């Protein structure tokens, strides 16, 4: 009987036309192995050399008890570092919002849109360095690279205290963006390297909710620094920058010592545990690490509709996030709260963000519906924004109502978190993942760069232009969510049809090709989460 490839390549002598499914089958079988039908095995030409030392064709069964023990070891070494590092980065970025009402604007003689540019310049720097950073991440010891960037940005943060004008501030803010650009892409890679697919949504949520934690701790610390009386050697805003920068540098040194670069290089674990840690992520089928550049994966990444959906989600969530974050204290002060009250109310905002992220994570774990949950959490943002635009602050009741509405606008944060976790879970192939992650965070930076610019000083305190822009973002976000769900469901259905057609690669119960650096499209065993 002729093989599928022979059927496709045979000359036309009146046979039935070749279906698209048959062409897809042939492409997948050629990608996996030219002689795979004879003896299915791991393609060591495609597997990373370090990974190959700790895995094989044979899947190892790991008991639930053993899996739980391994997870605890990983959490202690990896998740703890990710969570606290992201907390420090969020705290460091949030200092500009806190210091905006502590005298920084007056002391550095900022005028017009200059304060807005201090947020924009960070993300413009990230926009430029994002792809080079992702290229480096794929090729260097990732733990050491993270530690280097932490130490570098902490020094830059401390130098903020020496600035006395806009030029100095915009310089250090730009440098801060360059070194902070590596943090989130590294965490996406670490999440897929160390954690199973079903664990990654929770993992991303835990480190991402540190944005809320920094609002709580940052608000309390900022309140304490506000109590520093003028006339001393340091102003309160200078003391914040020096304190945060010094502590972050010490943490970077700790990360250099504590954080393993990969399960294969983790000297803190036994050889047997390292092998089991590699084995436990076999079911992800997204690979672990691979330093070989594959041109075809670049093309696939740039032509995959998923890429552009994740990019649009990034823009539609970060554009509102950036402005609402940078102008948070200014907006709340506009509701006629005192500066000290504003610093404390930021703590409530942080708690609300944590509740939003944890509840969305619980719903996803409970119902396995990522995109539906994302859409549900965008709806309160519409309500809160409309109230801010239409209700005037005239009484105590409207004052409280406007504050609650401001909190409601940040419900869309769950979409940002779940989108990042979907990239980690749905994009396979190391070169393709590098392209998609870079594209996502380039758009993330673009949204953040534009976010503060729509808050025009002449438009205060209502900021109609900014909030109208946010409503447009939420509307586009809802459309993208619906389209992405439809697209991923259709892709899964096509893969099911290929499996039903008898594709040899579709029957891989031992996940032999899980580490073959195949993309999500090439691997017929792969199914998307949505």
Protein backbone atom coordinates (compact mmCIF):
# COMPACT_ATOMS: atom_id res chain seq x y z
CA UNK A 1 0.00 0.00 0.00
CA UNK A 2 1.36 3.45 -0.90
CA UNK A 3 2.31 5.75 1.92
CA UNK A 4 0.62 9.10 2.37
CA UNK A 5 3.71 10.87 1.04
CA UNK A 6 3.64 8.71 -2.11
CA UNK A 7 -0.04 9.47 -2.59
CA UNK A 8 0.61 13.20 -2.40
CA UNK A 9 3.62 13.17 -4.73
CA UNK A 10 2.14 10.78 -7.30
CA UNK A 11 1.35 12.21 -10.77
CA UNK A 12 -2.26 13.00 -11.53
CA UNK A 13 -3.87 10.20 -13.58
CA UNK A 14 -7.45 10.91 -12.68
CA UNK A 15 -7.17 10.17 -8.98
CA UNK A 16 -9.19 12.06 -6.38
CA UNK A 17 -7.61 15.44 -5.47
CA UNK A 18 -5.42 15.37 -2.36
CA UNK A 19 -7.16 16.80 0.70
CA UNK A 20 -5.63 19.46 2.94
CA UNK A 21 -5.62 16.99 5.85
CA UNK A 22 -3.45 14.57 3.91
CA UNK A 23 -0.94 17.33 3.12
CA UNK A 24 -0.86 18.31 6.80
CA UNK A 25 -0.24 14.66 7.74
CA UNK A 26 2.65 14.39 5.31
CA UNK A 27 4.26 17.59 6.55
CA UNK A 28 4.07 16.47 10.17
CA UNK A 29 5.51 13.02 9.45
CA UNK A 30 8.43 14.51 7.48
CA UNK A 31 9.14 16.92 10.35
CA UNK A 32 9.19 14.21 13.01
CA UNK A 33 11.40 11.69 11.26
CA UNK A 34 11.91 10.35 7.73
CA UNK A 35 11.76 6.75 8.94
CA UNK A 36 9.54 7.20 11.95
CA UNK A 37 7.09 4.59 10.82
CA UNK A 38 9.76 1.90 11.08
CA UNK A 39 10.92 2.59 14.62
CA UNK A 40 9.49 5.52 16.53
CA UNK A 41 12.05 7.10 18.80
CA UNK A 42 13.26 10.42 20.12
CA UNK A 43 15.00 12.47 17.42
CA UNK A 44 18.29 13.26 19.16
CA UNK A 45 19.29 15.58 16.32
CA UNK A 46 16.59 17.94 17.55
CA UNK A 47 16.91 17.43 21.32
CA UNK A 48 19.13 19.76 23.35
CA UNK A 49 22.32 17.94 24.44
CA UNK A 50 21.87 18.80 28.13
CA UNK A 51 18.24 17.69 28.12
CA UNK A 52 19.13 14.43 26.32
CA UNK A 53 21.36 13.40 29.24
CA UNK A 54 18.37 13.39 31.59
CA UNK A 55 15.64 11.89 29.44
CA UNK A 56 14.95 9.03 27.02
CA UNK A 57 12.27 7.50 24.78
CA UNK A 58 10.71 5.80 27.80
CA UNK A 59 8.30 7.80 29.91
CA UNK A 60 8.90 7.45 33.65
CA UNK A 61 5.88 7.24 35.93
CA UNK A 62 6.06 9.68 38.84
CA UNK A 63 3.75 8.99 41.77
CA UNK A 64 1.57 11.85 43.12
CA UNK A 65 3.57 11.81 46.36
CA UNK A 66 6.87 12.06 44.51
CA UNK A 67 5.50 14.76 42.25
CA UNK A 68 4.39 16.78 45.26
CA UNK A 69 7.86 16.45 46.82
CA UNK A 70 9.52 17.65 43.60
CA UNK A 71 7.10 20.56 43.32
CA UNK A 72 8.03 21.73 46.82
CA UNK A 73 11.74 21.61 45.95
CA UNK A 74 11.12 23.64 42.80
CA UNK A 75 8.90 26.16 44.56
CA UNK A 76 11.57 26.77 47.16
CA UNK A 77 14.32 27.38 44.62
CA UNK A 78 12.48 28.88 41.64
CA UNK A 79 9.00 30.18 42.50
CA UNK A 80 10.23 31.98 45.62
CA UNK A 81 12.82 33.83 43.53
CA UNK A 82 10.33 34.72 40.80
CA UNK A 83 7.74 36.01 43.27
CA UNK A 84 10.07 38.18 45.35
CA UNK A 85 12.02 39.43 42.32
CA UNK A 86 8.83 40.53 40.62
CA UNK A 87 7.69 42.15 43.86
CA UNK A 88 10.90 44.19 43.98
CA UNK A 89 10.64 45.14 40.32
CA UNK A 90 7.02 46.25 40.77
CA UNK A 91 8.01 48.15 43.91
CA UNK A 92 10.89 49.82 42.09
CA UNK A 93 8.65 50.86 39.20
CA UNK A 94 5.94 52.06 41.57
CA UNK A 95 8.25 54.49 43.32
CA UNK A 96 7.62 57.13 40.65
CA UNK A 97 3.90 57.11 41.39
CA UNK A 98 4.46 57.35 45.16
CA UNK A 99 7.13 60.06 44.92
CA UNK A 100 4.97 62.14 42.55
CA UNK A 101 3.12 63.53 45.59
CA UNK A 102 6.20 63.62 47.86
CA UNK A 103 7.90 66.62 46.28
CA UNK A 104 9.75 65.00 43.36
CA UNK A 105 7.80 66.94 40.71
CA UNK A 106 8.52 70.29 42.39
CA UNK A 107 12.15 69.56 43.35
CA UNK A 108 13.10 68.42 39.83
CA UNK A 109 11.09 71.24 38.20
CA UNK A 110 8.95 68.98 36.01
CA UNK A 111 6.47 70.79 33.78
CA UNK A 112 3.78 69.83 31.26
CA UNK A 113 4.01 66.24 30.04
CA UNK A 114 7.52 65.67 31.44
CA UNK A 115 6.21 63.51 34.29
CA UNK A 116 4.39 61.32 31.76
CA UNK A 117 7.59 60.88 29.77
CA UNK A 118 9.34 59.45 32.82
CA UNK A 119 7.06 56.41 32.50
CA UNK A 120 7.06 56.36 28.70
CA UNK A 121 10.86 56.33 28.38
CA UNK A 122 11.12 53.08 30.40
CA UNK A 123 8.92 51.23 27.96
CA UNK A 124 10.51 52.81 24.90
CA UNK A 125 13.80 51.35 26.13
CA UNK A 126 12.15 47.95 26.62
CA UNK A 127 10.67 48.25 23.12
CA UNK A 128 14.17 48.54 21.66
CA UNK A 129 15.98 45.87 23.70
CA UNK A 130 13.21 43.26 24.01
CA UNK A 131 14.15 41.01 21.11
CA UNK A 132 17.93 41.14 21.79
CA UNK A 133 17.16 40.31 25.42
CA UNK A 134 15.04 37.29 24.42
CA UNK A 135 17.81 36.14 22.07
CA UNK A 136 20.30 36.31 24.96
CA UNK A 137 17.91 34.50 27.34
CA UNK A 138 17.83 31.48 25.00
CA UNK A 139 21.64 31.21 25.03
CA UNK A 140 22.99 32.08 28.49
CA UNK A 141 22.62 30.62 32.02
CA UNK A 142 19.23 32.09 32.81
CA UNK A 143 19.61 32.30 36.60
CA UNK A 144 22.89 34.21 36.39
CA UNK A 145 21.48 36.54 33.73
CA UNK A 146 18.50 37.33 35.96
CA UNK A 147 20.80 38.10 38.90
CA UNK A 148 22.94 40.41 36.75
CA UNK A 149 19.93 42.39 35.62
CA UNK A 150 18.60 42.73 39.18
CA UNK A 151 21.92 44.14 40.39
CA UNK A 152 22.14 46.50 37.41
CA UNK A 153 18.66 47.95 37.76
CA UNK A 154 19.08 48.36 41.55
CA UNK A 155 22.15 50.57 41.03
CA UNK A 156 20.24 52.65 38.47
CA UNK A 157 17.30 52.97 40.87
CA UNK A 158 19.51 54.30 43.67
CA UNK A 159 20.95 56.87 41.24
CA UNK A 160 17.47 58.41 40.90
CA UNK A 161 18.19 60.21 44.19
CA UNK A 162 21.00 62.19 42.54
CA UNK A 163 18.78 63.65 39.82
CA UNK A 164 17.68 67.29 40.02
CA UNK A 165 16.09 67.87 36.62
CA UNK A 166 14.17 66.22 33.81
CA UNK A 167 17.29 65.29 31.81
CA UNK A 168 18.79 63.34 34.69
CA UNK A 169 15.53 61.56 35.47
CA UNK A 170 14.80 60.57 31.87
CA UNK A 171 18.34 59.15 31.58
CA UNK A 172 18.12 56.90 34.63
CA UNK A 173 14.54 55.88 33.79
CA UNK A 174 15.65 54.78 30.32
CA UNK A 175 18.53 52.74 31.76
CA UNK A 176 16.09 51.23 34.27
CA UNK A 177 13.92 50.02 31.40
CA UNK A 178 16.88 48.41 29.63
CA UNK A 179 17.79 46.22 32.60
CA UNK A 180 14.23 45.47 33.71
CA UNK A 181 13.31 44.25 30.20
CA UNK A 182 14.63 40.75 30.93
CA UNK A 183 12.48 40.01 33.98
CA UNK A 184 9.10 38.96 32.57
CA UNK A 185 10.47 37.03 29.53
CA UNK A 186 12.76 35.10 31.88
CA UNK A 187 9.80 34.23 34.09
CA UNK A 188 7.79 32.94 31.12
CA UNK A 189 10.71 30.67 30.18
CA UNK A 190 11.18 29.53 33.79
CA UNK A 191 7.48 28.74 34.15
CA UNK A 192 7.52 26.40 31.14
CA UNK A 193 10.93 24.94 32.07
CA UNK A 194 10.13 23.95 35.66
CA UNK A 195 6.33 23.59 35.85
CA UNK A 196 3.73 21.34 34.30
CA UNK A 197 1.20 22.84 31.95
CA UNK A 198 -1.63 22.66 34.47
CA UNK A 199 0.54 24.43 37.07
CA UNK A 200 1.61 27.35 34.92
CA UNK A 201 -1.52 29.51 35.23
CA UNK A 202 -1.12 29.47 39.02
CA UNK A 203 2.64 30.03 38.78
CA UNK A 204 2.25 33.11 36.58
CA UNK A 205 -0.54 34.41 38.82
CA UNK A 206 1.61 34.11 41.96
CA UNK A 207 4.42 36.27 40.62
CA UNK A 208 2.17 38.65 38.70
CA UNK A 209 0.00 39.42 41.72
CA UNK A 210 3.06 41.04 43.28
CA UNK A 211 1.87 44.13 41.43
CA UNK A 212 -0.89 44.22 44.03
CA UNK A 213 1.44 43.35 46.89
CA UNK A 214 3.73 46.24 46.03
CA UNK A 215 0.73 48.58 46.22
CA UNK A 216 0.09 47.38 49.77
CA UNK A 217 3.68 47.37 50.99
CA UNK A 218 4.66 50.31 48.80
CA UNK A 219 1.78 52.38 50.12
CA UNK A 220 2.73 51.62 53.72
CA UNK A 221 6.44 52.31 53.13
CA UNK A 222 5.67 55.49 51.19
CA UNK A 223 3.52 56.63 54.11
CA UNK A 224 6.49 56.06 56.43
CA UNK A 225 8.89 57.94 54.14
CA UNK A 226 6.39 60.81 53.90
CA UNK A 227 6.88 61.33 57.64
CA UNK A 228 10.53 62.33 57.06
CA UNK A 229 10.65 66.00 57.95
CA UNK A 230 12.11 68.45 55.42
CA UNK A 231 15.44 70.11 56.16
CA UNK A 232 17.50 66.91 56.56
CA UNK A 233 20.31 65.65 54.31
CA UNK A 234 17.83 63.65 52.22
CA UNK A 235 14.35 64.48 51.04
CA UNK A 236 11.71 61.77 51.49
CA UNK A 237 11.64 60.84 47.78
CA UNK A 238 15.43 60.54 47.67
CA UNK A 239 15.41 58.25 50.70
CA UNK A 240 12.93 55.92 48.96
CA UNK A 241 15.11 55.50 45.87
CA UNK A 242 18.31 54.86 47.85
CA UNK A 243 16.64 52.39 50.23
CA UNK A 244 14.90 50.37 47.51
CA UNK A 245 17.98 50.35 45.29
CA UNK A 246 20.29 49.13 48.06
CA UNK A 247 17.96 46.33 49.11
CA UNK A 248 17.40 45.19 45.49
CA UNK A 249 21.18 44.95 44.97
CA UNK A 250 21.53 42.62 47.95
CA UNK A 251 18.69 40.49 46.59
CA UNK A 252 20.41 40.27 43.19
CA UNK A 253 23.53 38.89 44.87
CA UNK A 254 21.40 36.29 46.67
CA UNK A 255 19.70 35.24 43.41
CA UNK A 256 23.12 34.70 41.81
CA UNK A 257 23.94 32.17 44.55
CA UNK A 258 20.51 30.56 45.06
CA UNK A 259 18.83 30.37 41.65
CA UNK A 260 19.58 27.30 39.44
CA UNK A 261 19.89 27.91 35.70
CA UNK A 262 17.91 24.80 34.72
CA UNK A 263 16.97 21.40 36.15
CA UNK A 264 19.98 19.90 34.35
CA UNK A 265 22.45 22.38 35.91
CA UNK A 266 20.92 22.51 39.38
CA UNK A 267 23.75 21.47 41.71
CA UNK A 268 21.38 21.81 44.65
CA UNK A 269 19.45 18.69 43.53
CA UNK A 270 20.51 15.06 43.25
CA UNK A 271 21.02 13.48 39.83
CA UNK A 272 17.90 11.37 40.33
CA UNK A 273 15.81 14.40 41.25
CA UNK A 274 17.10 16.31 38.23
CA UNK A 275 16.04 13.47 35.95
CA UNK A 276 12.58 13.40 37.53
CA UNK A 277 12.24 17.19 37.26
CA UNK A 278 12.90 16.96 33.53
CA UNK A 279 10.50 14.04 33.25
CA UNK A 280 7.63 15.78 35.06
CA UNK A 281 7.40 18.45 32.33
CA UNK A 282 7.42 15.91 29.47
CA UNK A 283 3.62 16.20 29.25
CA UNK A 284 3.94 19.92 28.41
CA UNK A 285 5.28 18.99 24.94
CA UNK A 286 6.70 22.52 24.68
CA UNK A 287 10.33 21.48 25.17
CA UNK A 288 12.63 22.70 27.90
CA UNK A 289 15.60 24.43 26.33
CA UNK A 290 17.22 24.41 22.91
CA UNK A 291 19.92 26.79 21.72
CA UNK A 292 19.63 25.90 18.03
CA UNK A 293 18.11 28.62 15.87
CA UNK A 294 15.41 27.27 13.54
CA UNK A 295 14.43 29.62 10.73
CA UNK A 296 11.20 27.75 9.99
CA UNK A 297 10.04 28.37 13.57
CA UNK A 298 10.60 32.12 13.13
CA UNK A 299 8.36 32.06 10.07
CA UNK A 300 5.72 30.03 11.91
CA UNK A 301 5.81 32.41 14.86
CA UNK A 302 5.32 35.42 12.61
CA UNK A 303 2.44 33.79 10.68
CA UNK A 304 0.58 32.27 13.63
CA UNK A 305 -2.66 34.17 14.46
CA UNK A 306 -2.00 33.36 18.12
CA UNK A 307 0.99 35.71 18.08
CA UNK A 308 -1.07 38.69 17.01
CA UNK A 309 -3.88 37.89 19.43
CA UNK A 310 -1.46 37.82 22.37
CA UNK A 311 0.13 41.04 21.11
CA UNK A 312 -3.24 42.79 20.92
CA UNK A 313 -4.15 41.56 24.40
CA UNK A 314 -0.84 42.98 25.64
CA UNK A 315 -1.52 46.39 24.08
CA UNK A 316 -5.16 46.53 25.20
CA UNK A 317 -4.26 45.71 28.81
CA UNK A 318 -0.98 47.57 29.30
CA UNK A 319 -2.11 50.85 27.78
CA UNK A 320 -4.71 51.31 30.55
CA UNK A 321 -2.44 49.69 33.17
CA UNK A 322 0.45 52.08 32.59
CA UNK A 323 -1.60 55.23 32.82
CA UNK A 324 -3.72 54.07 35.75
CA UNK A 325 -0.55 52.99 37.56
CA UNK A 326 1.54 56.09 36.91
CA UNK A 327 -1.35 58.45 37.68
CA UNK A 328 -2.94 56.36 40.46
CA UNK A 329 -2.07 58.69 43.31
CA UNK A 330 -2.76 61.80 41.24
CA UNK A 331 -6.21 60.46 40.29
CA UNK A 332 -7.07 59.49 43.87
CA UNK A 333 -5.83 62.85 45.16
CA UNK A 334 -8.21 64.41 42.62
CA UNK A 335 -11.09 62.86 44.60
CA UNK A 336 -10.07 65.32 47.36
CA UNK A 337 -8.12 62.90 49.57
CA UNK A 338 -5.01 64.19 51.35
CA UNK A 339 -1.56 62.92 50.23
CA UNK A 340 -1.28 60.73 53.35
CA UNK A 341 -4.76 59.28 52.81
CA UNK A 342 -3.88 58.64 49.16
CA UNK A 343 -0.78 56.64 50.09
CA UNK A 344 -2.86 54.45 52.42
CA UNK A 345 -5.70 54.01 49.91
CA UNK A 346 -3.15 52.58 47.47
CA UNK A 347 -2.93 49.62 49.85
CA UNK A 348 -6.63 48.88 49.29
CA UNK A 349 -6.05 49.03 45.54
CA UNK A 350 -3.26 46.47 45.91
CA UNK A 351 -5.50 44.14 47.88
CA UNK A 352 -8.18 44.40 45.19
CA UNK A 353 -5.67 43.47 42.47
CA UNK A 354 -4.61 40.39 44.44
CA UNK A 355 -8.26 39.35 44.88
CA UNK A 356 -8.88 39.77 41.12
CA UNK A 357 -5.86 37.67 40.14
CA UNK A 358 -6.43 34.91 42.70
CA UNK A 359 -10.13 34.63 41.91
CA UNK A 360 -9.48 34.45 38.15
CA UNK A 361 -6.83 31.81 38.77
CA UNK A 362 -9.31 29.79 40.89
CA UNK A 363 -11.99 30.00 38.20
CA UNK A 364 -9.56 28.81 35.53
CA UNK A 365 -8.42 25.89 37.68
CA UNK A 366 -12.06 25.05 38.48
CA UNK A 367 -13.65 25.36 35.04
CA UNK A 368 -10.65 25.22 32.64
CA UNK A 369 -11.99 28.18 30.65
CA UNK A 370 -9.18 30.73 30.32
CA UNK A 371 -10.69 33.04 27.71
CA UNK A 372 -14.22 33.08 29.14
CA UNK A 373 -12.78 34.04 32.54
CA UNK A 374 -10.71 36.77 30.86
CA UNK A 375 -13.82 38.20 29.22
CA UNK A 376 -15.83 38.15 32.45
CA UNK A 377 -13.16 40.14 34.28
CA UNK A 378 -13.02 42.81 31.56
CA UNK A 379 -16.71 43.70 32.03
CA UNK A 380 -16.29 45.49 35.43
CA UNK A 381 -13.63 47.68 33.80
CA UNK A 382 -16.29 49.06 31.44
CA UNK A 383 -18.55 49.90 34.40
CA UNK A 384 -15.84 51.54 36.50
CA UNK A 385 -14.53 53.65 33.62
CA UNK A 386 -17.97 54.90 32.59
CA UNK A 387 -18.71 55.96 36.19
CA UNK A 388 -15.41 57.87 36.42
CA UNK A 389 -16.29 59.74 33.22
CA UNK A 390 -19.88 60.62 34.08
CA UNK A 391 -20.19 61.11 37.86
CA UNK A 392 -19.14 64.40 39.46
CA UNK A 393 -17.56 64.48 42.91
CA UNK A 394 -20.04 66.50 44.95
CA UNK A 395 -20.70 64.57 48.18
CA UNK A 396 -19.05 62.03 50.45
CA UNK A 397 -21.09 59.28 48.77
CA UNK A 398 -19.86 60.20 45.28
CA UNK A 399 -16.33 60.51 46.64
CA UNK A 400 -16.44 56.91 47.91
CA UNK A 401 -18.26 55.73 44.79
CA UNK A 402 -15.62 57.22 42.48
CA UNK A 403 -12.88 55.54 44.51
CA UNK A 404 -14.61 52.14 44.24
CA UNK A 405 -15.15 52.70 40.51
CA UNK A 406 -11.43 53.41 40.10
CA UNK A 407 -10.67 50.08 41.76
CA UNK A 408 -13.16 48.34 39.45
CA UNK A 409 -11.36 49.60 36.35
CA UNK A 410 -8.38 47.39 37.21
CA UNK A 411 -10.38 44.13 36.94
CA UNK A 412 -8.97 43.60 33.45
CA UNK A 413 -5.61 42.70 35.01
CA UNK A 414 -6.67 39.06 35.01
CA UNK A 415 -6.64 39.14 31.19
CA UNK A 416 -3.03 40.27 31.21
CA UNK A 417 -1.98 37.48 33.58
CA UNK A 418 -3.87 34.69 31.84
CA UNK A 419 -2.58 35.79 28.44
CA UNK A 420 1.03 35.44 29.61
CA UNK A 421 0.29 31.99 31.03
CA UNK A 422 -1.35 30.97 27.74
CA UNK A 423 1.80 31.90 25.82
CA UNK A 424 3.77 29.66 28.19
CA UNK A 425 1.32 26.79 27.70
CA UNK A 426 0.32 27.15 24.04
CA UNK A 427 3.54 28.04 22.22
CA UNK A 428 5.99 25.17 21.60
CA UNK A 429 9.38 25.16 19.88
CA UNK A 430 12.13 27.20 21.52
CA UNK A 431 12.86 29.51 18.58
CA UNK A 432 9.15 30.09 17.99
CA UNK A 433 8.63 30.78 21.69
CA UNK A 434 11.45 33.34 21.62
CA UNK A 435 9.78 35.13 18.70
CA UNK A 436 6.30 35.10 20.26
CA UNK A 437 7.47 36.13 23.73
CA UNK A 438 9.58 38.95 22.23
CA UNK A 439 6.66 40.15 20.08
CA UNK A 440 4.33 40.03 23.08
CA UNK A 441 6.60 42.07 25.32
CA UNK A 442 7.41 44.54 22.53
CA UNK A 443 3.66 45.21 22.35
CA UNK A 444 3.54 45.16 26.15
CA UNK A 445 6.19 47.91 26.16
CA UNK A 446 4.42 49.87 23.41
CA UNK A 447 1.17 49.83 25.37
CA UNK A 448 2.92 50.91 28.54
CA UNK A 449 4.80 53.66 26.68
CA UNK A 450 1.59 55.09 25.27
CA UNK A 451 -0.44 54.60 28.44
CA UNK A 452 0.72 57.62 30.40
CA UNK A 453 0.68 59.88 27.33
CA UNK A 454 -3.12 59.78 27.04
CA UNK A 455 -3.38 61.38 30.49
CA UNK A 456 -3.06 65.01 29.43
CA UNK A 457 -2.48 67.62 32.11
CA UNK A 458 -5.00 69.97 30.51
CA UNK A 459 -7.60 67.17 30.74
CA UNK A 460 -7.35 66.82 34.54
CA UNK A 461 -9.06 65.86 36.78
CA UNK A 462 -11.64 63.95 34.70
CA UNK A 463 -9.19 62.76 32.00
CA UNK A 464 -11.96 62.17 29.43
CA UNK A 465 -9.48 61.49 26.62
CA UNK A 466 -7.61 58.86 28.65
CA UNK A 467 -10.71 57.02 29.84
CA UNK A 468 -12.29 57.11 26.37
CA UNK A 469 -9.14 55.48 25.04
CA UNK A 470 -9.42 52.83 27.74
CA UNK A 471 -13.00 52.03 26.71
CA UNK A 472 -11.76 51.50 23.17
CA UNK A 473 -9.07 49.13 24.46
CA UNK A 474 -11.58 47.08 26.44
CA UNK A 475 -13.87 46.79 23.39
CA UNK A 476 -11.03 45.58 21.17
CA UNK A 477 -9.91 43.22 23.93
CA UNK A 478 -13.33 41.54 24.04
CA UNK A 479 -13.24 41.03 20.25
CA UNK A 480 -9.75 39.47 20.41
CA UNK A 481 -10.79 37.12 23.23
CA UNK A 482 -13.74 35.85 21.20
CA UNK A 483 -11.63 35.39 18.06
CA UNK A 484 -8.78 33.62 19.90
CA UNK A 485 -11.20 31.17 21.49
CA UNK A 486 -12.73 30.38 18.10
CA UNK A 487 -9.28 29.99 16.50
CA UNK A 488 -7.87 27.65 19.17
CA UNK A 489 -11.01 25.51 19.19
CA UNK A 490 -10.75 25.19 15.40
CA UNK A 491 -7.04 24.24 15.59
CA UNK A 492 -7.78 21.53 18.16
CA UNK A 493 -10.57 20.21 15.98
CA UNK A 494 -8.20 20.00 12.98
CA UNK A 495 -5.67 18.07 15.07
CA UNK A 496 -8.41 15.69 16.20
CA UNK A 497 -9.28 15.08 12.55
CA UNK A 498 -5.62 14.33 11.75
CA UNK A 499 -5.50 11.85 14.63
CA UNK A 500 -8.70 10.21 13.41
CA UNK A 501 -7.14 9.92 9.94
CA UNK A 502 -4.47 7.63 11.38
CA UNK A 503 -1.41 9.87 11.64
CA UNK A 504 1.32 7.77 13.24
CA UNK A 505 2.63 10.74 15.22
CA UNK A 506 -0.78 11.29 16.77
CA UNK A 507 -0.48 8.05 18.74
CA UNK A 508 2.34 8.85 21.13
CA UNK A 509 1.19 7.66 24.57
CA UNK A 510 4.74 7.80 25.96
CA UNK A 511 5.28 11.34 24.60
CA UNK A 512 8.46 10.20 22.86
CA UNK A 513 8.77 13.46 20.90
CA UNK A 514 8.04 15.83 23.80
CA UNK A 515 11.62 17.17 23.83
CA UNK A 516 12.16 17.18 20.03
CA UNK A 517 11.80 20.97 19.81
CA UNK A 518 8.64 20.67 17.72
CA UNK A 519 6.27 23.60 17.45
CA UNK A 520 2.69 23.41 18.61
CA UNK A 521 1.61 23.13 14.96
CA UNK A 522 4.07 20.39 14.05
CA UNK A 523 3.17 18.19 17.01
CA UNK A 524 -0.19 16.49 16.40
CA UNK A 525 -0.32 15.33 20.02
CA UNK A 526 -0.36 18.95 21.16
CA UNK A 527 -3.68 20.51 22.15
CA UNK A 528 -4.24 24.17 22.93
CA UNK A 529 -5.77 25.47 26.13
CA UNK A 530 -8.38 28.16 25.79
